[in-house]
Each structure stands twice: as structure tokens, then as C-alpha cells.
């Protein structure tokens, strides 16, 4: 652990598993609150998915990120008005965070019965 990480770690009173889960939650909130409302169309959707993945991967402790945007809700025709605004219901996100001796896999996806883009912890493992 670097000196910078040790200084940051001194502000936490939790174990590695709890810290990894905290870090995963922060990353999910970042995805949702930074990208909702972004214009997207069929020509830009793959680029936006990679952009979100790269943005998440730039954050501390992220070891994997996969973003998929539901293309079925995008307008099928181009033209001046052929785009949609990204919504939480369009996103499927999976991330992996490693902190110390713990790995957390978290996900976000639309849950129809809740009518909500739910963020959840999928697994917590010791590594």
C-alpha cells in the first residue's frame, strides 16, 4: 500500500471486505449520476459503453467494468432527432473492485417488478 493509500485508509474504520463494498457502491453511483441524460443513438452507443467503462476503470481499486446499453429503446432511424437520453433503465453495469484481500462484484440493472435500475452487490470474496 502506498503512502497516499495509507493516509486515505486511516479515515476508514472497516475491514477489507467492507471497504471493497463501499468502493463498489461509490463507483456505481458515479456511473449513474454522471451519465444519465447523455444523448445516445445507434451510432454512438458502443462508444458510450466504452467511455463509461473507461471512466469507471480510472477510479481506484477497479479491476473490471462491463457496460451494456439496451439498444432496443434507441430510435431505429437517424436524422436530426434520432437519439435518446440515456436513462437508468437502459443500463446494465457490472464492476469488480479489489481492496486489500477482498474482491467485490457489483451490478446495476433494471428490475421490472420494482420499475427501478437497482444497484446490488453480487459477491464478496476473500482473495
Protein backbone atom coordinates (compact mmCIF):
# COMPACT_ATOMS: atom_id res chain seq x y z
CA UNK A 1 0.00 0.00 0.00
CA UNK A 2 1.42 3.42 -0.95
CA UNK A 3 1.75 6.28 1.50
CA UNK A 4 -1.17 8.00 -0.16
CA UNK A 5 -3.34 4.91 0.24
CA UNK A 6 -2.27 4.52 3.88
CA UNK A 7 -3.26 8.13 4.59
CA UNK A 8 -6.67 7.59 2.97
CA UNK A 9 -7.13 4.25 4.73
CA UNK A 10 -6.62 5.90 8.10
CA UNK A 11 -10.00 7.61 7.62
CA UNK A 12 -11.86 4.29 7.45
CA UNK A 13 -12.84 2.04 10.33
CA UNK A 14 -13.71 -1.14 8.46
CA UNK A 15 -12.22 -4.35 7.14
CA UNK A 16 -11.13 -5.02 3.54
CA UNK A 17 -14.45 -6.61 2.56
CA UNK A 18 -16.44 -3.64 3.86
CA UNK A 19 -14.10 -1.17 2.18
CA UNK A 20 -14.30 -3.03 -1.13
CA UNK A 21 -18.13 -2.96 -0.93
CA UNK A 22 -18.03 0.76 -0.14
CA UNK A 23 -15.74 1.41 -3.11
CA UNK A 24 -18.03 -0.60 -5.42
CA UNK A 25 -21.04 1.45 -4.29
CA UNK A 26 -19.21 4.69 -4.98
CA UNK A 27 -18.35 3.52 -8.49
CA UNK A 28 -21.96 2.55 -9.23
CA UNK A 29 -23.24 5.91 -8.02
CA UNK A 30 -20.68 7.61 -10.21
CA UNK A 31 -21.88 5.78 -13.31
CA UNK A 32 -25.50 6.59 -12.63
CA UNK A 33 -25.15 10.23 -11.69
CA UNK A 34 -22.52 11.19 -14.26
CA UNK A 35 -24.03 9.61 -17.34
CA UNK A 36 -27.84 9.69 -17.01
CA UNK A 37 -29.20 12.15 -19.56
CA UNK A 38 -26.32 11.80 -22.04
CA UNK A 39 -27.54 11.82 -25.66
CA UNK A 40 -27.08 8.43 -27.34
CA UNK A 41 -28.04 6.92 -30.69
CA UNK A 42 -27.29 3.73 -32.56
CA UNK A 43 -24.12 5.25 -34.00
CA UNK A 44 -22.72 6.31 -30.63
CA UNK A 45 -23.96 3.59 -28.27
CA UNK A 46 -20.85 1.37 -28.45
CA UNK A 47 -18.58 4.38 -27.93
CA UNK A 48 -20.63 5.47 -24.91
CA UNK A 49 -20.43 1.98 -23.40
CA UNK A 50 -16.61 2.01 -23.73
CA UNK A 51 -16.46 5.59 -22.39
CA UNK A 52 -18.38 4.64 -19.24
CA UNK A 53 -16.20 1.54 -18.76
CA UNK A 54 -13.03 3.63 -19.14
CA UNK A 55 -14.34 6.23 -16.72
CA UNK A 56 -15.09 3.61 -14.07
CA UNK A 57 -11.78 1.83 -14.66
CA UNK A 58 -9.90 5.09 -13.98
CA UNK A 59 -11.15 5.08 -10.39
CA UNK A 60 -9.17 3.47 -7.56
CA UNK A 61 -9.38 -0.29 -6.98
CA UNK A 62 -11.47 -1.13 -10.07
CA UNK A 63 -10.20 -4.28 -11.76
CA UNK A 64 -13.03 -4.78 -14.26
CA UNK A 65 -16.01 -2.98 -15.76
CA UNK A 66 -18.61 -4.02 -18.33
CA UNK A 67 -21.36 -1.67 -19.53
CA UNK A 68 -24.21 -2.54 -21.89
CA UNK A 69 -26.86 -0.10 -23.08
CA UNK A 70 -30.22 -1.50 -24.21
CA UNK A 71 -30.31 -0.83 -27.93
CA UNK A 72 -33.98 -1.84 -28.21
CA UNK A 73 -35.07 1.51 -26.79
CA UNK A 74 -32.93 3.60 -29.14
CA UNK A 75 -34.62 5.18 -32.16
CA UNK A 76 -34.16 2.97 -35.21
CA UNK A 77 -33.80 5.88 -37.62
CA UNK A 78 -31.15 8.56 -37.67
CA UNK A 79 -31.75 12.14 -38.59
CA UNK A 80 -31.54 15.28 -36.56
CA UNK A 81 -33.78 13.97 -33.77
CA UNK A 82 -32.74 10.29 -33.90
CA UNK A 83 -31.33 9.97 -30.40
CA UNK A 84 -32.45 9.22 -26.88
CA UNK A 85 -31.32 10.46 -23.50
CA UNK A 86 -29.64 7.72 -21.50
CA UNK A 87 -31.79 6.55 -18.59
CA UNK A 88 -31.12 4.19 -15.72
CA UNK A 89 -33.45 1.64 -17.24
CA UNK A 90 -31.21 1.37 -20.29
CA UNK A 91 -28.04 0.50 -18.35
CA UNK A 92 -26.59 -2.85 -17.40
CA UNK A 93 -23.34 -2.44 -15.48
CA UNK A 94 -21.00 -4.93 -13.85
CA UNK A 95 -17.88 -3.92 -11.96
CA UNK A 96 -15.21 -5.70 -9.93
CA UNK A 97 -13.32 -3.93 -7.16
CA UNK A 98 -10.36 -5.28 -5.23
CA UNK A 99 -9.25 -3.74 -1.98
CA UNK A 100 -6.65 -5.38 0.24
CA UNK A 101 -7.57 -9.05 0.44
CA UNK A 102 -11.17 -8.65 -0.81
CA UNK A 103 -12.94 -8.62 -4.18
CA UNK A 104 -16.47 -7.33 -4.66
CA UNK A 105 -18.54 -7.80 -7.78
CA UNK A 106 -21.41 -5.33 -8.09
CA UNK A 107 -24.06 -4.79 -10.72
CA UNK A 108 -26.73 -2.37 -11.83
CA UNK A 109 -29.68 -3.32 -13.98
CA UNK A 110 -33.30 -2.51 -14.49
CA UNK A 111 -35.62 -4.63 -12.31
CA UNK A 112 -39.04 -4.65 -13.93
CA UNK A 113 -41.07 -5.59 -10.83
CA UNK A 114 -39.51 -2.64 -9.00
CA UNK A 115 -39.54 -0.35 -12.06
CA UNK A 116 -36.11 0.70 -10.92
CA UNK A 117 -32.46 0.49 -12.00
CA UNK A 118 -31.23 -1.44 -8.95
CA UNK A 119 -27.59 -1.44 -7.85
CA UNK A 120 -26.53 -4.53 -5.89
CA UNK A 121 -23.59 -6.46 -4.53
CA UNK A 122 -23.33 -9.77 -6.37
CA UNK A 123 -20.46 -11.30 -4.44
CA UNK A 124 -17.84 -10.59 -1.81
CA UNK A 125 -14.77 -12.85 -1.80
CA UNK A 126 -11.50 -13.08 0.05
CA UNK A 127 -8.56 -13.14 -2.36
